[in-house]
Structure formats: C-alpha cells, structure tokens
C-alpha cells in the first residue's frame, strides 16, 4: 500500500524541521548525556536520592524540543503520552522513600523514552537527506511518535 500524499508531506516536513534544528538537537543531546544528566540521574535512582527528580527538568526540555519539531503541530502518540504523564510534574515527598521504585521509576522511564527519541532525531537529522524507502527502526519510531506510522 502506497502512503498518502499527506503522509509523505508530513514525513518530509518532520525531516526538514529536524535538519533545521540539528545544532539544537545535538546540543541538547550532549547536555542530556553528560555526567550530570544521564549518568548521575540514573545513579540517583539506584542510590535512592531525591535528586532523581531532577531528571524531570531534562525530560521537559526534551519534550519541548520534540514538540517544536512536530509537523503541523501534531501531538505525540498515545503510548508516549502514557509514559510521560506519570513521570512528569512530580515533587519529592518523604513518603516516596517507603515506595521508592513505585514513586520514581515513572520519572526514569519518561526520561529514558524521551532521551531515545531525542537521540533518534539527532541521528537522523544528520543521516537522512530525504525520507528513506527502507526505514531504519529509529526513523520508524520517530514517525510513530508523531502518529505518522
């Protein structure tokens, strides 16, 4: 089955926005992946430190960047929204210590999924000049994120 003209237009629009924002994508990915982002944030989860809540700020920045690239203002797919919602807007409470994994795993999960999409956007903004006929998994995931696949 051949994709519709609308689908092709939206796919091209997404790639064009990604290519326009290559510097921003790569810069944000570098910040997310630096010691005080990914490495320390994951450690804080296992160390049972309230500082794991700081991953939410990185997730918010990633989500803002992904939103800015959405072709024609398309929203995120339901699966991504279902992962983001429980992991965002949370504040630490002493009660979280008694239920650490249940309280903080949603923060880590939201961050990791957002980081994945940021990484794929930064990668394919550089690697693709036009939408491919044979889709790499990461490109297909980005299309899924915006409901284009």
N, C-alpha and C. Protein backbone atom coordinates (compact mmCIF):
# COMPACT_ATOMS: atom_id res chain seq x y z
N UNK A 1 0.84 -1.18 0.00
CA UNK A 1 0.00 0.00 0.00
C UNK A 1 0.89 1.25 0.00
N UNK A 2 0.60 2.20 -0.88
CA UNK A 2 1.39 3.42 -1.01
C UNK A 2 0.89 4.47 0.00
N UNK A 3 1.82 5.14 0.70
CA UNK A 3 1.40 6.17 1.64
C UNK A 3 0.70 7.31 0.90
N UNK A 4 -0.20 7.97 1.60
CA UNK A 4 -0.92 9.10 1.00
C UNK A 4 0.03 10.27 0.80
N UNK A 5 -0.39 11.20 -0.06
CA UNK A 5 0.40 12.41 -0.28
C UNK A 5 0.55 13.19 1.02
N UNK A 6 -0.52 13.18 1.84
CA UNK A 6 -0.47 13.89 3.12
C UNK A 6 0.60 13.28 4.03
N UNK A 7 0.62 11.96 4.08
CA UNK A 7 1.62 11.26 4.88
C UNK A 7 3.03 11.64 4.41
N UNK A 8 3.25 11.59 3.12
CA UNK A 8 4.58 11.92 2.58
C UNK A 8 4.95 13.36 2.89
N UNK A 9 3.99 14.27 2.77
CA UNK A 9 4.24 15.68 3.07
C UNK A 9 4.62 15.88 4.53
N UNK A 10 3.90 15.22 5.43
CA UNK A 10 4.19 15.34 6.86
C UNK A 10 5.54 14.72 7.22
N UNK A 11 5.85 13.60 6.59
CA UNK A 11 7.15 12.95 6.83
C UNK A 11 8.29 13.87 6.37
N UNK A 12 8.13 14.48 5.22
CA UNK A 12 9.14 15.42 4.71
C UNK A 12 9.24 16.65 5.60
N UNK A 13 8.11 17.11 6.10
CA UNK A 13 8.10 18.28 6.99
C UNK A 13 8.85 17.97 8.29
N UNK A 14 8.63 16.77 8.83
CA UNK A 14 9.34 16.36 10.04
C UNK A 14 10.84 16.34 9.79
N UNK A 15 11.26 15.71 8.73
CA UNK A 15 12.69 15.63 8.44
C UNK A 15 13.28 17.03 8.22
N UNK A 16 12.56 17.89 7.54
CA UNK A 16 13.05 19.26 7.31
C UNK A 16 13.23 20.01 8.63
N UNK A 17 12.26 19.87 9.54
CA UNK A 17 12.38 20.53 10.84
C UNK A 17 13.56 19.97 11.63
N UNK A 18 13.74 18.67 11.58
CA UNK A 18 14.86 18.04 12.28
C UNK A 18 16.17 18.57 11.72
N UNK A 19 16.27 18.65 10.41
CA UNK A 19 17.51 19.12 9.78
C UNK A 19 17.77 20.58 10.11
N UNK A 20 16.71 21.39 10.18
CA UNK A 20 16.85 22.80 10.57
C UNK A 20 17.37 22.93 12.00
N UNK A 21 16.99 22.01 12.84
CA UNK A 21 17.30 22.09 14.27
C UNK A 21 18.43 21.15 14.68
N UNK A 22 19.24 20.73 13.73
CA UNK A 22 20.32 19.80 14.02
C UNK A 22 21.21 20.29 15.14
N UNK A 23 21.61 21.54 15.11
CA UNK A 23 22.50 22.07 16.16
C UNK A 23 21.83 22.01 17.52
N UNK A 24 20.56 22.37 17.59
CA UNK A 24 19.84 22.33 18.87
C UNK A 24 19.68 20.90 19.36
N UNK A 25 19.36 19.99 18.44
CA UNK A 25 19.21 18.58 18.82
C UNK A 25 20.51 18.02 19.38
N UNK A 26 21.58 18.27 18.67
CA UNK A 26 22.88 17.73 19.10
C UNK A 26 23.34 18.38 20.41
N UNK A 27 23.09 19.66 20.56
CA UNK A 27 23.47 20.36 21.79
C UNK A 27 22.70 19.84 22.99
N UNK A 28 21.39 19.68 22.82
CA UNK A 28 20.57 19.15 23.92
C UNK A 28 20.96 17.72 24.23
N UNK A 29 21.19 16.92 23.22
CA UNK A 29 21.60 15.53 23.45
C UNK A 29 22.91 15.47 24.22
N UNK A 30 23.84 16.35 23.91
CA UNK A 30 25.12 16.39 24.65
C UNK A 30 24.87 16.73 26.11
N UNK A 31 23.98 17.67 26.38
CA UNK A 31 23.67 18.03 27.78
C UNK A 31 22.98 16.87 28.50
N UNK A 32 22.05 16.24 27.82
CA UNK A 32 21.32 15.12 28.42
C UNK A 32 22.27 13.97 28.73
N UNK A 33 23.22 13.73 27.85
CA UNK A 33 24.14 12.60 28.02
C UNK A 33 25.35 12.91 28.89
N UNK A 34 25.51 14.15 29.31
CA UNK A 34 26.70 14.45 30.10
C UNK A 34 26.61 13.83 31.50
N UNK A 35 27.68 13.95 32.24
CA UNK A 35 27.75 13.32 33.56
C UNK A 35 26.57 13.67 34.45
N UNK A 36 26.18 14.95 34.47
CA UNK A 36 25.14 15.40 35.40
C UNK A 36 23.73 15.15 34.88
N UNK A 37 23.61 14.59 33.69
CA UNK A 37 22.31 14.24 33.15
C UNK A 37 22.06 12.76 33.31
N UNK A 38 22.29 12.05 32.24
CA UNK A 38 22.01 10.62 32.18
C UNK A 38 22.75 9.83 33.26
N UNK A 39 24.07 10.00 33.33
CA UNK A 39 24.87 9.19 34.25
C UNK A 39 24.47 9.41 35.70
N UNK A 40 24.44 10.66 36.12
CA UNK A 40 24.13 10.95 37.51
C UNK A 40 22.65 10.69 37.82
N UNK A 41 21.79 11.01 36.87
CA UNK A 41 20.37 10.79 37.10
C UNK A 41 20.03 9.34 37.34
N UNK A 42 20.62 8.46 36.57
CA UNK A 42 20.38 7.03 36.75
C UNK A 42 20.97 6.55 38.09
N UNK A 43 22.16 7.07 38.41
CA UNK A 43 22.77 6.72 39.69
C UNK A 43 21.85 7.12 40.84
N UNK A 44 21.26 8.31 40.75
CA UNK A 44 20.40 8.82 41.84
C UNK A 44 19.19 7.92 42.07
N UNK A 45 18.70 7.29 41.02
CA UNK A 45 17.61 6.34 41.18
C UNK A 45 18.07 5.17 42.05
N UNK A 46 19.23 4.60 41.71
CA UNK A 46 19.72 3.43 42.43
C UNK A 46 20.26 3.78 43.81
N UNK A 47 20.68 5.00 44.00
CA UNK A 47 21.17 5.46 45.30
C UNK A 47 20.03 5.90 46.21
N UNK A 48 18.83 5.90 45.68
CA UNK A 48 17.63 6.35 46.36
C UNK A 48 17.79 7.79 46.85
N UNK A 49 18.22 8.64 45.91
CA UNK A 49 18.40 10.06 46.20
C UNK A 49 17.27 10.87 45.56
N UNK A 50 16.76 11.83 46.30
CA UNK A 50 15.71 12.70 45.78
C UNK A 50 16.15 13.43 44.52
N UNK A 51 17.45 13.48 44.26
CA UNK A 51 17.95 14.18 43.08
C UNK A 51 17.51 13.52 41.78
N UNK A 52 17.00 12.28 41.85
CA UNK A 52 16.46 11.65 40.64
C UNK A 52 15.29 12.47 40.09
N UNK A 53 14.64 13.22 40.94
CA UNK A 53 13.53 14.06 40.49
C UNK A 53 14.00 15.12 39.50
N UNK A 54 15.30 15.43 39.51
CA UNK A 54 15.86 16.38 38.57
C UNK A 54 15.80 15.92 37.12
N UNK A 55 15.66 14.62 36.91
CA UNK A 55 15.52 14.12 35.54
C UNK A 55 14.28 14.71 34.85
N UNK A 56 13.31 15.13 35.65
CA UNK A 56 12.10 15.70 35.07
C UNK A 56 12.39 16.97 34.28
N UNK A 57 13.33 17.78 34.76
CA UNK A 57 13.67 19.01 34.03
C UNK A 57 14.29 18.68 32.67
N UNK A 58 15.15 17.68 32.64
CA UNK A 58 15.72 17.26 31.35
C UNK A 58 14.63 16.71 30.44
N UNK A 59 13.73 15.92 31.00
CA UNK A 59 12.63 15.37 30.21
C UNK A 59 11.78 16.49 29.64
N UNK A 60 11.50 17.50 30.44
CA UNK A 60 10.70 18.64 29.97
C UNK A 60 11.39 19.35 28.81
N UNK A 61 12.70 19.52 28.90
CA UNK A 61 13.44 20.18 27.82
C UNK A 61 13.41 19.33 26.55
N UNK A 62 13.55 18.03 26.70
CA UNK A 62 13.49 17.14 25.54
C UNK A 62 12.10 17.21 24.91
N UNK A 63 11.07 17.12 25.73
CA UNK A 63 9.70 17.15 25.23
C UNK A 63 9.44 18.47 24.50
N UNK A 64 9.94 19.57 25.03
CA UNK A 64 9.77 20.86 24.36
C UNK A 64 10.43 20.84 22.98
N UNK A 65 11.63 20.26 22.90
CA UNK A 65 12.33 20.19 21.62
C UNK A 65 11.57 19.29 20.64
N UNK A 66 11.12 18.14 21.10
CA UNK A 66 10.37 17.23 20.24
C UNK A 66 9.05 17.88 19.78
N UNK A 67 8.43 18.62 20.67
CA UNK A 67 7.19 19.32 20.32
C UNK A 67 7.43 20.37 19.25
N UNK A 68 8.57 21.07 19.35
CA UNK A 68 8.87 22.13 18.38
C UNK A 68 9.08 21.58 16.97
N UNK A 69 9.37 20.30 16.86
CA UNK A 69 9.61 19.69 15.55
C UNK A 69 8.38 19.00 14.99
N UNK A 70 7.32 18.91 15.76
CA UNK A 70 6.13 18.19 15.33
C UNK A 70 5.58 18.79 14.04
N UNK A 71 5.45 17.98 13.00
CA UNK A 71 4.93 18.53 11.74
C UNK A 71 3.49 18.99 11.91
N UNK A 72 3.27 20.25 11.55
CA UNK A 72 1.95 20.86 11.62
C UNK A 72 1.33 20.72 13.01
N UNK A 73 2.17 20.80 14.04
CA UNK A 73 1.68 20.77 15.41
C UNK A 73 1.07 19.46 15.87
N UNK A 74 1.42 18.38 15.21
CA UNK A 74 0.88 17.08 15.60
C UNK A 74 1.29 16.76 17.03
N UNK A 75 0.41 16.08 17.73
CA UNK A 75 0.71 15.65 19.08
C UNK A 75 1.47 14.34 19.08
N UNK A 76 1.87 13.93 20.27
CA UNK A 76 2.57 12.66 20.42
C UNK A 76 1.57 11.51 20.43
N UNK A 77 2.07 10.33 20.09
CA UNK A 77 1.24 9.13 20.11
C UNK A 77 0.81 8.81 21.54
N UNK A 78 -0.25 8.06 21.66
CA UNK A 78 -0.81 7.70 22.96
C UNK A 78 0.20 6.96 23.84
N UNK A 79 1.00 6.08 23.25
CA UNK A 79 1.95 5.30 24.05
C UNK A 79 2.96 6.21 24.74
N UNK A 80 3.49 7.19 24.01
CA UNK A 80 4.47 8.11 24.60
C UNK A 80 3.81 8.98 25.66
N UNK A 81 2.62 9.46 25.39
CA UNK A 81 1.91 10.27 26.39
C UNK A 81 1.64 9.47 27.65
N UNK A 82 1.30 8.19 27.50
CA UNK A 82 1.03 7.33 28.66
C UNK A 82 2.28 7.11 29.51
N UNK A 83 3.44 7.16 28.90
CA UNK A 83 4.70 7.02 29.64
C UNK A 83 5.09 8.35 30.28
N UNK A 84 4.90 9.44 29.55
CA UNK A 84 5.28 10.76 30.08
C UNK A 84 4.46 11.18 31.28
N UNK A 85 3.15 11.04 31.18
CA UNK A 85 2.25 11.59 32.19
C UNK A 85 2.61 11.21 33.63
N UNK A 86 2.79 9.93 33.94
CA UNK A 86 3.09 9.60 35.34
C UNK A 86 4.52 9.99 35.78
N UNK A 87 5.38 10.34 34.82
CA UNK A 87 6.76 10.66 35.15
C UNK A 87 7.08 12.13 35.14
N UNK A 88 6.07 12.97 35.02
CA UNK A 88 6.29 14.40 34.94
C UNK A 88 5.51 15.13 36.03
N UNK A 89 6.02 16.27 36.44
CA UNK A 89 5.31 17.11 37.39
C UNK A 89 5.24 16.55 38.80
N UNK A 90 6.19 15.72 39.14
CA UNK A 90 6.19 15.10 40.47
C UNK A 90 7.11 15.86 41.40
N UNK A 91 6.73 15.95 42.64
CA UNK A 91 7.57 16.58 43.67
C UNK A 91 7.92 15.54 44.72
N UNK A 92 9.13 15.63 45.21
CA UNK A 92 9.60 14.68 46.22
C UNK A 92 8.84 14.86 47.52
N UNK A 93 8.50 13.75 48.11
CA UNK A 93 7.90 13.70 49.44
C UNK A 93 8.65 12.64 50.24
N UNK A 94 8.75 12.82 51.53
CA UNK A 94 9.41 11.82 52.37
C UNK A 94 8.73 10.45 52.23
N UNK A 95 7.44 10.45 51.94
CA UNK A 95 6.71 9.20 51.74
C UNK A 95 7.24 8.40 50.55
N UNK A 96 7.88 9.09 49.60
CA UNK A 96 8.43 8.39 48.43
C UNK A 96 9.50 7.39 48.83
N UNK A 97 10.20 7.65 49.91
CA UNK A 97 11.27 6.74 50.33
C UNK A 97 10.75 5.34 50.66
N UNK A 98 9.55 5.26 51.19
CA UNK A 98 8.97 3.96 51.56
C UNK A 98 8.51 3.17 50.33
N UNK A 99 8.32 3.85 49.22
CA UNK A 99 7.85 3.22 47.97
C UNK A 99 8.70 3.73 46.82
N UNK A 100 10.02 3.60 46.99
CA UNK A 100 10.96 4.26 46.08
C UNK A 100 10.75 3.92 44.61
N UNK A 101 10.75 2.64 44.29
CA UNK A 101 10.64 2.25 42.89
C UNK A 101 9.30 2.70 42.31
N UNK A 102 8.22 2.48 43.03
CA UNK A 102 6.91 2.89 42.54
C UNK A 102 6.82 4.41 42.36
N UNK A 103 7.50 5.15 43.22
CA UNK A 103 7.44 6.61 43.17
C UNK A 103 8.34 7.22 42.10
N UNK A 104 9.48 6.59 41.85
CA UNK A 104 10.47 7.24 40.97
C UNK A 104 10.70 6.55 39.62
N UNK A 105 10.36 5.29 39.50
CA UNK A 105 10.56 4.61 38.21
C UNK A 105 9.82 5.32 37.07
N UNK A 106 8.63 5.87 37.28
CA UNK A 106 7.99 6.59 36.18
C UNK A 106 8.80 7.80 35.70
N UNK A 107 9.54 8.44 36.59
CA UNK A 107 10.40 9.57 36.21
C UNK A 107 11.52 9.07 35.30
N UNK A 108 12.14 7.99 35.70
CA UNK A 108 13.24 7.41 34.92
C UNK A 108 12.73 6.90 33.58
N UNK A 109 11.59 6.24 33.59
CA UNK A 109 11.03 5.71 32.35
C UNK A 109 10.71 6.84 31.36
N UNK A 110 10.09 7.90 31.83
CA UNK A 110 9.77 9.03 30.95
C UNK A 110 11.05 9.64 30.38
N UNK A 111 12.06 9.81 31.22
CA UNK A 111 13.33 10.36 30.77
C UNK A 111 13.97 9.48 29.70
N UNK A 112 14.02 8.18 29.95
CA UNK A 112 14.69 7.27 29.00
C UNK A 112 13.98 7.23 27.65
N UNK A 113 12.66 7.25 27.65
CA UNK A 113 11.94 7.24 26.38
C UNK A 113 12.12 8.57 25.65
N UNK A 114 12.06 9.67 26.37
CA UNK A 114 12.29 10.98 25.74
C UNK A 114 13.71 11.06 25.19
N UNK A 115 14.66 10.58 25.96
CA UNK A 115 16.06 10.57 25.52
C UNK A 115 16.23 9.76 24.24
N UNK A 116 15.56 8.62 24.16
CA UNK A 116 15.62 7.79 22.96
C UNK A 116 15.16 8.58 21.74
N UNK A 117 14.03 9.25 21.84
CA UNK A 117 13.51 9.99 20.69
C UNK A 117 14.42 11.17 20.34
N UNK A 118 14.99 11.81 21.34
CA UNK A 118 15.95 12.89 21.08
C UNK A 118 17.16 12.34 20.34
N UNK A 119 17.67 11.21 20.78
CA UNK A 119 18.83 10.59 20.15
C UNK A 119 18.52 10.21 18.69
N UNK A 120 17.35 9.66 18.46
CA UNK A 120 16.98 9.29 17.09
C UNK A 120 16.82 10.53 16.21
N UNK A 121 16.24 11.58 16.75
CA UNK A 121 16.07 12.81 15.97
C UNK A 121 17.43 13.41 15.61
N UNK A 122 18.35 13.44 16.57
CA UNK A 122 19.69 13.98 16.31
C UNK A 122 20.42 13.11 15.28
N UNK A 123 20.26 11.82 15.38
CA UNK A 123 20.92 10.90 14.45
C UNK A 123 20.39 11.06 13.02
N UNK A 124 19.08 11.01 12.87
CA UNK A 124 18.51 11.01 11.52
C UNK A 124 18.45 12.41 10.90
N UNK A 125 18.57 13.44 11.70
CA UNK A 125 18.70 14.80 11.15
C UNK A 125 19.98 14.91 10.34
N UNK A 126 20.99 14.15 10.73
CA UNK A 126 22.29 14.17 10.05
C UNK A 126 22.35 13.09 8.96
N UNK A 127 21.84 11.92 9.25
CA UNK A 127 21.99 10.78 8.34
C UNK A 127 21.06 10.78 7.14
N UNK A 128 19.90 11.42 7.27
CA UNK A 128 18.93 11.36 6.18
C UNK A 128 18.84 12.70 5.45
N UNK A 129 18.87 12.63 4.14
CA UNK A 129 18.63 13.83 3.34
C UNK A 129 17.18 13.89 2.87
N UNK A 130 16.57 12.73 2.78
CA UNK A 130 15.16 12.62 2.43
C UNK A 130 14.60 11.37 3.09
N UNK A 131 13.28 11.30 3.25
CA UNK A 131 12.71 10.10 3.89
C UNK A 131 13.11 8.84 3.12
N UNK A 132 13.55 7.82 3.83
CA UNK A 132 14.01 6.59 3.17
C UNK A 132 12.85 5.68 2.77
N UNK A 133 13.08 4.90 1.74
CA UNK A 133 12.09 3.89 1.33
C UNK A 133 12.12 2.70 2.29
N UNK A 134 13.34 2.25 2.62
CA UNK A 134 13.51 1.20 3.62
C UNK A 134 13.84 1.89 4.93
N UNK A 135 12.93 1.84 5.86
CA UNK A 135 13.06 2.63 7.08
C UNK A 135 13.91 1.97 8.14
N UNK A 136 14.92 2.70 8.62
CA UNK A 136 15.62 2.24 9.82
C UNK A 136 14.64 2.29 11.01
N UNK A 137 14.87 1.47 11.98
CA UNK A 137 13.96 1.38 13.13
C UNK A 137 13.79 2.71 13.85
N UNK A 138 14.87 3.44 14.04
CA UNK A 138 14.78 4.72 14.75
C UNK A 138 13.95 5.75 14.00
N UNK A 139 14.06 5.78 12.68
CA UNK A 139 13.24 6.70 11.89
C UNK A 139 11.77 6.29 11.98
N UNK A 140 11.50 4.99 11.88
CA UNK A 140 10.13 4.49 12.00
C UNK A 140 9.56 4.83 13.38
N UNK A 141 10.40 4.77 14.42
CA UNK A 141 9.94 5.13 15.77
C UNK A 141 9.57 6.61 15.84
N UNK A 142 10.36 7.47 15.21
CA UNK A 142 10.03 8.90 15.19
C UNK A 142 8.70 9.13 14.46
N UNK A 143 8.49 8.43 13.36
CA UNK A 143 7.21 8.56 12.67
C UNK A 143 6.07 8.10 13.57
N UNK A 144 6.29 7.05 14.32
CA UNK A 144 5.28 6.56 15.26
C UNK A 144 5.00 7.57 16.36
N UNK A 145 6.05 8.23 16.83
CA UNK A 145 5.90 9.24 17.88
C UNK A 145 4.88 10.29 17.49
N UNK A 146 4.92 10.71 16.23
CA UNK A 146 4.02 11.76 15.75
C UNK A 146 2.79 11.20 15.03
N UNK A 147 2.54 9.92 15.18
CA UNK A 147 1.36 9.30 14.59
C UNK A 147 1.40 9.25 13.08
N UNK A 148 2.59 9.13 12.52
CA UNK A 148 2.74 9.07 11.06
C UNK A 148 3.02 7.66 10.56
N UNK A 149 2.99 6.71 11.44
CA UNK A 149 3.23 5.32 11.04
C UNK A 149 2.26 4.43 11.78
